[in-house]
Amino acid sequence: MGITVRRIEPADWERYREVRLAMLADAPAAFGERYEDAAALPEAEWQLRAERQSWPNAVGLAAVGADGDWVGMAGAYGVTRLPAGPDPAPAAEAWQRRDDVRPDEVPRRRPEAVIKVVSVWVHPDHRGGAARRAGASERGPADQLLTATLEWAREQSGADRAVLEVHEENARARAFYRRHGFAPSGLTRPYPLDPAARLLELELDLRAVRGA
């Protein structure tokens, strides 16, 4: 049962919609969108979403079975944000009161480019033991999708870190990402569809993987 990972193209919008809705129906707590909201979107929105998968500094990938069916998807895009850490504003104000300080000496958190990995999903029939019973290799579609996403991040984006978010109760997903080198960043935020729950951020240092 061979799996091929390829980029999602604008012409794939109908297949993309089909798999996205399957994702939301299968794992409603894993994504930040409700099935009923997505199902009500017009075709033009799905066409735009599929087009975004190939925009600059973004990638959308599909895992395609030997029969042509899509068995999973993953995506990533570049963002610029301030790194985590203490707010340096008080220290910056103290430095600015000195007469001999140069502008480049003022401590500040500088924006960093990171890659955000999103929407990693594989059909239940192609996960773990189910995939192996069906004759798949040990390296299943989820591994192939995430590996291909991170390869794109390392080679194309120029970012130093990859980050992603997992629901606090999704122990299986956290274990999967740990196996690929991700570790908790210490950042959390409320889950948008249920603010009583939290999303945990995991991060991967792409520089270490590049050998920098």
C-alpha atoms as a PDB file:
ATOM      1  CA  MET A   1       0.000   0.000   0.000  1.00  0.00           C
ATOM      2  CA  GLY A   2       2.157   2.844  -1.269  1.00  0.00           C
ATOM      3  CA  ILE A   3       1.547   6.391  -0.071  1.00  0.00           C
ATOM      4  CA  THR A   4       2.684   9.419  -2.053  1.00  0.00           C
ATOM      5  CA  VAL A   5       2.936  12.871  -0.487  1.00  0.00           C
ATOM      6  CA  ARG A   6       2.375  15.768  -2.872  1.00  0.00           C
ATOM      7  CA  ARG A   7       1.553  19.459  -2.737  1.00  0.00           C
ATOM      8  CA  ILE A   8      -2.053  20.558  -2.808  1.00  0.00           C
ATOM      9  CA  GLU A   9      -2.916  22.645  -5.876  1.00  0.00           C
ATOM     10  CA  PRO A  10      -5.798  25.080  -6.493  1.00  0.00           C
ATOM     11  CA  ALA A  11      -7.505  22.545  -8.771  1.00  0.00           C
ATOM     12  CA  ASP A  12      -7.737  20.160  -5.788  1.00  0.00           C
ATOM     13  CA  TRP A  13     -10.300  22.289  -3.983  1.00  0.00           C
ATOM     14  CA  GLU A  14     -13.105  19.699  -4.031  1.00  0.00           C
ATOM     15  CA  ARG A  15     -10.878  16.939  -2.682  1.00  0.00           C
ATOM     16  CA  TYR A  16      -9.439  19.385  -0.146  1.00  0.00           C
ATOM     17  CA  ARG A  17     -12.954  20.239   1.048  1.00  0.00           C
ATOM     18  CA  GLU A  18     -13.866  16.558   1.323  1.00  0.00           C
ATOM     19  CA  VAL A  19     -10.859  15.727   3.479  1.00  0.00           C
ATOM     20  CA  ARG A  20     -11.124  18.868   5.602  1.00  0.00           C
ATOM     21  CA  LEU A  21     -14.713  18.013   6.489  1.00  0.00           C
ATOM     22  CA  ALA A  22     -13.675  14.439   7.265  1.00  0.00           C
ATOM     23  CA  MET A  23     -11.007  15.818   9.615  1.00  0.00           C
ATOM     24  CA  LEU A  24     -13.473  17.974  11.491  1.00  0.00           C
ATOM     25  CA  ALA A  25     -16.014  15.165  11.793  1.00  0.00           C
ATOM     26  CA  ASP A  26     -13.402  12.676  13.000  1.00  0.00           C
ATOM     27  CA  ALA A  27     -11.546  14.869  15.521  1.00  0.00           C
ATOM     28  CA  PRO A  28     -13.676  17.891  16.456  1.00  0.00           C
ATOM     29  CA  ALA A  29     -11.415  18.909  19.363  1.00  0.00           C
ATOM     30  CA  ALA A  30      -8.219  18.799  17.305  1.00  0.00           C
ATOM     31  CA  PHE A  31      -8.910  21.822  15.116  1.00  0.00           C
ATOM     32  CA  GLY A  32     -10.114  25.358  15.598  1.00  0.00           C
ATOM     33  CA  GLU A  33     -13.157  25.079  13.339  1.00  0.00           C
ATOM     34  CA  ARG A  34     -16.555  23.437  13.771  1.00  0.00           C
ATOM     35  CA  TYR A  35     -17.761  20.934  11.194  1.00  0.00           C
ATOM     36  CA  GLU A  36     -21.116  22.652  10.774  1.00  0.00           C
ATOM     37  CA  ASP A  37     -19.447  26.006  10.106  1.00  0.00           C
ATOM     38  CA  ALA A  38     -17.078  24.547   7.528  1.00  0.00           C
ATOM     39  CA  ALA A  39     -19.826  22.553   5.820  1.00  0.00           C
ATOM     40  CA  ALA A  40     -21.795  25.761   5.284  1.00  0.00           C
ATOM     41  CA  LEU A  41     -18.973  27.583   3.489  1.00  0.00           C
ATOM     42  CA  PRO A  42     -19.518  28.483  -0.188  1.00  0.00           C
ATOM     43  CA  GLU A  43     -17.479  26.932  -2.976  1.00  0.00           C
ATOM     44  CA  ALA A  44     -15.551  30.180  -3.474  1.00  0.00           C
ATOM     45  CA  GLU A  45     -14.164  29.946   0.060  1.00  0.00           C
ATOM     46  CA  TRP A  46     -12.980  26.372  -0.491  1.00  0.00           C
ATOM     47  CA  GLN A  47     -11.359  27.376  -3.753  1.00  0.00           C
ATOM     48  CA  LEU A  48      -9.513  30.162  -1.946  1.00  0.00           C
ATOM     49  CA  ARG A  49      -8.428  27.807   0.853  1.00  0.00           C
ATOM     50  CA  ALA A  50      -7.010  25.345  -1.665  1.00  0.00           C
ATOM     51  CA  GLU A  51      -5.208  28.168  -3.455  1.00  0.00           C
ATOM     52  CA  ARG A  52      -3.608  29.280  -0.182  1.00  0.00           C
ATOM     53  CA  GLN A  53      -1.878  25.917   0.120  1.00  0.00           C
ATOM     54  CA  SER A  54       0.562  26.971  -2.598  1.00  0.00           C
ATOM     55  CA  TRP A  55       1.007  30.632  -1.690  1.00  0.00           C
ATOM     56  CA  PRO A  56       4.560  31.883  -1.057  1.00  0.00           C
ATOM     57  CA  ASN A  57       5.837  30.891   2.393  1.00  0.00           C
ATOM     58  CA  ALA A  58       3.089  28.298   2.785  1.00  0.00           C
ATOM     59  CA  VAL A  59       2.647  24.637   1.968  1.00  0.00           C
ATOM     60  CA  GLY A  60      -0.268  22.218   1.921  1.00  0.00           C
ATOM     61  CA  LEU A  61       0.416  18.513   1.480  1.00  0.00           C
ATOM     62  CA  ALA A  62      -1.804  15.537   0.740  1.00  0.00           C
ATOM     63  CA  ALA A  63      -1.022  11.870   1.420  1.00  0.00           C
ATOM     64  CA  VAL A  64      -2.395   9.951  -1.557  1.00  0.00           C
ATOM     65  CA  GLY A  65      -2.951   6.207  -1.622  1.00  0.00           C
ATOM     66  CA  ALA A  66      -2.209   3.905  -4.541  1.00  0.00           C
ATOM     67  CA  ASP A  67      -5.878   4.119  -5.557  1.00  0.00           C
ATOM     68  CA  GLY A  68      -5.736   7.927  -5.724  1.00  0.00           C
ATOM     69  CA  ASP A  69      -7.715   8.516  -2.533  1.00  0.00           C
ATOM     70  CA  TRP A  70      -6.436  11.142  -0.129  1.00  0.00           C
ATOM     71  CA  VAL A  71      -5.736   9.528   3.244  1.00  0.00           C
ATOM     72  CA  GLY A  72      -4.388  12.575   5.067  1.00  0.00           C
ATOM     73  CA  MET A  73      -3.268  16.196   4.920  1.00  0.00           C
ATOM     74  CA  ALA A  74      -0.881  18.583   6.616  1.00  0.00           C
ATOM     75  CA  GLY A  75       0.046  22.223   6.192  1.00  0.00           C
ATOM     76  CA  ALA A  76       2.393  24.935   7.368  1.00  0.00           C
ATOM     77  CA  TYR A  77       2.933  28.639   6.881  1.00  0.00           C
ATOM     78  CA  GLY A  78       5.412  31.276   7.919  1.00  0.00           C
ATOM     79  CA  VAL A  79       4.647  33.869  10.568  1.00  0.00           C
ATOM     80  CA  THR A  80       6.656  36.645  12.198  1.00  0.00           C
ATOM     81  CA  ARG A  81       6.241  37.173  15.936  1.00  0.00           C
ATOM     82  CA  LEU A  82       8.056  38.220  19.074  1.00  0.00           C
ATOM     83  CA  PRO A  83       9.906  35.356  20.760  1.00  0.00           C
ATOM     84  CA  ALA A  84       8.758  34.161  24.159  1.00  0.00           C
ATOM     85  CA  GLY A  85      10.485  35.606  27.214  1.00  0.00           C
ATOM     86  CA  PRO A  86      10.381  38.442  29.748  1.00  0.00           C
ATOM     87  CA  ASP A  87       9.302  41.833  28.504  1.00  0.00           C
ATOM     88  CA  PRO A  88      12.534  43.844  28.150  1.00  0.00           C
ATOM     89  CA  ALA A  89      10.743  47.209  28.261  1.00  0.00           C
ATOM     90  CA  PRO A  90      11.843  48.135  31.828  1.00  0.00           C
ATOM     91  CA  ALA A  91      15.473  47.347  31.002  1.00  0.00           C
ATOM     92  CA  ALA A  92      15.189  49.257  27.743  1.00  0.00           C
ATOM     93  CA  GLU A  93      13.845  52.307  29.577  1.00  0.00           C
ATOM     94  CA  ALA A  94      16.778  52.199  32.019  1.00  0.00           C
ATOM     95  CA  TRP A  95      19.266  52.000  29.176  1.00  0.00           C
ATOM     96  CA  GLN A  96      17.605  54.873  27.356  1.00  0.00           C
ATOM     97  CA  ARG A  97      18.142  57.124  30.401  1.00  0.00           C
ATOM     98  CA  ARG A  98      21.888  56.750  29.993  1.00  0.00           C
ATOM     99  CA  ASP A  99      23.705  59.432  28.015  1.00  0.00           C
ATOM    100  CA  ASP A 100      26.200  57.077  26.403  1.00  0.00           C
ATOM    101  CA  VAL A 101      23.820  54.396  25.069  1.00  0.00           C
ATOM    102  CA  ARG A 102      23.693  53.613  21.370  1.00  0.00           C
ATOM    103  CA  PRO A 103      20.346  52.676  19.761  1.00  0.00           C
ATOM    104  CA  ASP A 104      21.610  49.193  18.864  1.00  0.00           C
ATOM    105  CA  GLU A 105      22.486  48.533  22.522  1.00  0.00           C
ATOM    106  CA  VAL A 106      18.937  48.945  23.809  1.00  0.00           C
ATOM    107  CA  PRO A 107      17.659  45.492  24.835  1.00  0.00           C
ATOM    108  CA  ARG A 108      14.559  44.439  22.979  1.00  0.00           C
ATOM    109  CA  ARG A 109      12.838  41.301  21.777  1.00  0.00           C
ATOM    110  CA  ARG A 110      13.291  41.253  18.048  1.00  0.00           C
ATOM    111  CA  PRO A 111      10.690  39.613  15.789  1.00  0.00           C
ATOM    112  CA  GLU A 112      11.568  36.129  14.618  1.00  0.00           C
ATOM    113  CA  ALA A 113      10.374  34.092  11.662  1.00  0.00           C
ATOM    114  CA  VAL A 114       8.773  30.788  12.603  1.00  0.00           C
ATOM    115  CA  ILE A 115       6.896  28.106  10.733  1.00  0.00           C
ATOM    116  CA  LYS A 116       3.518  27.108  12.127  1.00  0.00           C
ATOM    117  CA  VAL A 117       2.531  23.511  11.378  1.00  0.00           C
ATOM    118  CA  VAL A 118      -1.239  23.038  11.135  1.00  0.00           C
ATOM    119  CA  SER A 119      -3.981  20.582  10.203  1.00  0.00           C
ATOM    120  CA  VAL A 120      -2.029  17.333  10.441  1.00  0.00           C
ATOM    121  CA  TRP A 121      -4.563  14.516  10.036  1.00  0.00           C
ATOM    122  CA  VAL A 122      -4.679  10.942   8.745  1.00  0.00           C
ATOM    123  CA  HIS A 123      -7.748   8.808   8.120  1.00  0.00           C
ATOM    124  CA  PRO A 124      -8.363   6.291  10.950  1.00  0.00           C
ATOM    125  CA  ASP A 125      -7.825   3.362   8.563  1.00  0.00           C
ATOM    126  CA  HIS A 126      -4.261   4.544   7.969  1.00  0.00           C
ATOM    127  CA  ARG A 127      -3.148   5.201  11.527  1.00  0.00           C
ATOM    128  CA  GLY A 128      -0.727   3.116  13.602  1.00  0.00           C
ATOM    129  CA  GLY A 129      -1.811  -0.488  14.013  1.00  0.00           C
ATOM    130  CA  ALA A 130      -4.633  -0.160  11.485  1.00  0.00           C
ATOM    131  CA  ALA A 131      -2.177   0.860   8.788  1.00  0.00           C
ATOM    132  CA  ARG A 132       0.249  -1.955   9.639  1.00  0.00           C
ATOM    133  CA  ARG A 133      -2.536  -4.549   9.545  1.00  0.00           C
ATOM    134  CA  ALA A 134      -3.404  -3.256   6.075  1.00  0.00           C
ATOM    135  CA  GLY A 135       0.153  -3.883   4.922  1.00  0.00           C
ATOM    136  CA  ALA A 136       1.717  -0.449   5.296  1.00  0.00           C
ATOM    137  CA  SER A 137       5.336   0.083   6.262  1.00  0.00           C
ATOM    138  CA  GLU A 138       6.326   1.205   9.747  1.00  0.00           C
ATOM    139  CA  ARG A 139       6.628   4.758   8.426  1.00  0.00           C
ATOM    140  CA  GLY A 140       2.973   5.629   8.028  1.00  0.00           C
ATOM    141  CA  PRO A 141       1.234   8.542   6.325  1.00  0.00           C
ATOM    142  CA  ALA A 142       1.385  10.759   9.426  1.00  0.00           C
ATOM    143  CA  ASP A 143       5.164  10.372   9.619  1.00  0.00           C
ATOM    144  CA  GLN A 144       5.496  10.991   5.887  1.00  0.00           C
ATOM    145  CA  LEU A 145       3.337  14.114   6.017  1.00  0.00           C
ATOM    146  CA  LEU A 146       5.122  15.662   8.991  1.00  0.00           C
ATOM    147  CA  THR A 147       8.556  14.775   7.608  1.00  0.00           C
ATOM    148  CA  ALA A 148       7.733  16.379   4.266  1.00  0.00           C
ATOM    149  CA  THR A 149       6.335  19.469   6.006  1.00  0.00           C
ATOM    150  CA  LEU A 150       9.491  19.890   8.081  1.00  0.00           C
ATOM    151  CA  GLU A 151      11.698  19.319   5.048  1.00  0.00           C
ATOM    152  CA  TRP A 152       9.901  22.191   3.337  1.00  0.00           C
ATOM    153  CA  ALA A 153      10.357  24.343   6.450  1.00  0.00           C
ATOM    154  CA  ARG A 154      14.092  23.656   6.600  1.00  0.00           C
ATOM    155  CA  GLU A 155      14.827  24.054   2.913  1.00  0.00           C
ATOM    156  CA  GLN A 156      12.406  26.716   1.725  1.00  0.00           C
ATOM    157  CA  SER A 157      11.266  28.960   4.547  1.00  0.00           C
ATOM    158  CA  GLY A 158      14.504  30.129   6.162  1.00  0.00           C
ATOM    159  CA  ALA A 159      12.830  30.026   9.585  1.00  0.00           C
ATOM    160  CA  ASP A 160      14.729  28.935  12.698  1.00  0.00           C
ATOM    161  CA  ARG A 161      11.842  27.253  14.530  1.00  0.00           C
ATOM    162  CA  ALA A 162       8.734  25.253  13.775  1.00  0.00           C
ATOM    163  CA  VAL A 163       5.808  25.430  16.194  1.00  0.00           C
ATOM    164  CA  LEU A 164       2.416  23.763  16.477  1.00  0.00           C
ATOM    165  CA  GLU A 165      -0.427  23.516  18.949  1.00  0.00           C
ATOM    166  CA  VAL A 166      -2.120  20.458  20.428  1.00  0.00           C
ATOM    167  CA  HIS A 167      -5.151  20.147  22.675  1.00  0.00           C
ATOM    168  CA  GLU A 168      -4.094  19.478  26.260  1.00  0.00           C
ATOM    169  CA  GLU A 169      -6.041  16.201  26.310  1.00  0.00           C
ATOM    170  CA  ASN A 170      -4.564  14.856  23.071  1.00  0.00           C
ATOM    171  CA  ALA A 171      -1.807  12.700  24.572  1.00  0.00           C
ATOM    172  CA  ARG A 172      -1.470  10.625  21.397  1.00  0.00           C
ATOM    173  CA  ALA A 173      -0.671  13.687  19.296  1.00  0.00           C
ATOM    174  CA  ARG A 174       1.838  14.992  21.845  1.00  0.00           C
ATOM    175  CA  ALA A 175       3.646  11.632  21.809  1.00  0.00           C
ATOM    176  CA  PHE A 176       3.711  11.622  18.006  1.00  0.00           C
ATOM    177  CA  TYR A 177       5.254  15.088  17.836  1.00  0.00           C
ATOM    178  CA  ARG A 178       7.780  14.290  20.574  1.00  0.00           C
ATOM    179  CA  ARG A 179       8.942  11.381  18.447  1.00  0.00           C
ATOM    180  CA  HIS A 180       9.733  13.916  15.725  1.00  0.00           C
ATOM    181  CA  GLY A 181      11.749  16.139  18.057  1.00  0.00           C
ATOM    182  CA  PHE A 182       9.126  18.632  19.238  1.00  0.00           C
ATOM    183  CA  ALA A 183       9.174  19.767  22.868  1.00  0.00           C
ATOM    184  CA  PRO A 184       6.907  22.053  24.918  1.00  0.00           C
ATOM    185  CA  SER A 185       7.703  25.742  24.470  1.00  0.00           C
ATOM    186  CA  GLY A 186       5.946  26.655  27.719  1.00  0.00           C
ATOM    187  CA  LEU A 187       3.302  28.709  25.916  1.00  0.00           C
ATOM    188  CA  THR A 188      -0.392  27.879  26.170  1.00  0.00           C
ATOM    189  CA  ARG A 189      -3.622  29.598  25.213  1.00  0.00           C
ATOM    190  CA  PRO A 190      -7.353  28.903  25.554  1.00  0.00           C
ATOM    191  CA  TYR A 191      -8.821  26.573  22.943  1.00  0.00           C
ATOM    192  CA  PRO A 192     -10.993  28.883  20.790  1.00  0.00           C
ATOM    193  CA  LEU A 193     -13.978  26.515  20.647  1.00  0.00           C
ATOM    194  CA  ASP A 194     -13.884  25.828  24.413  1.00  0.00           C
ATOM    195  CA  PRO A 195     -12.000  28.475  26.441  1.00  0.00           C
ATOM    196  CA  ALA A 196     -12.065  26.214  29.493  1.00  0.00           C
ATOM    197  CA  ALA A 197      -9.585  23.929  27.695  1.00  0.00           C
ATOM    198  CA  ARG A 198      -6.090  24.877  26.583  1.00  0.00           C
ATOM    199  CA  LEU A 199      -3.838  24.469  23.587  1.00  0.00           C
ATOM    200  CA  LEU A 200      -0.196  23.603  24.302  1.00  0.00           C
ATOM    201  CA  GLU A 201       2.505  24.903  21.998  1.00  0.00           C
ATOM    202  CA  LEU A 202       5.299  22.545  20.939  1.00  0.00           C
ATOM    203  CA  GLU A 203       8.446  23.702  19.160  1.00  0.00           C
ATOM    204  CA  LEU A 204      11.302  22.287  17.100  1.00  0.00           C
ATOM    205  CA  ASP A 205      14.657  23.998  16.548  1.00  0.00           C
ATOM    206  CA  LEU A 206      15.210  23.811  12.785  1.00  0.00           C
ATOM    207  CA  ARG A 207      18.755  25.161  13.122  1.00  0.00           C
ATOM    208  CA  ALA A 208      19.853  22.098  15.083  1.00  0.00           C
ATOM    209  CA  VAL A 209      18.414  19.821  12.422  1.00  0.00           C
ATOM    210  CA  ARG A 210      20.232  21.775   9.706  1.00  0.00           C
ATOM    211  CA  GLY A 211      23.448  21.378  11.701  1.00  0.00           C
ATOM    212  CA  ALA A 212      23.829  25.113  12.252  1.00  0.00           C
END
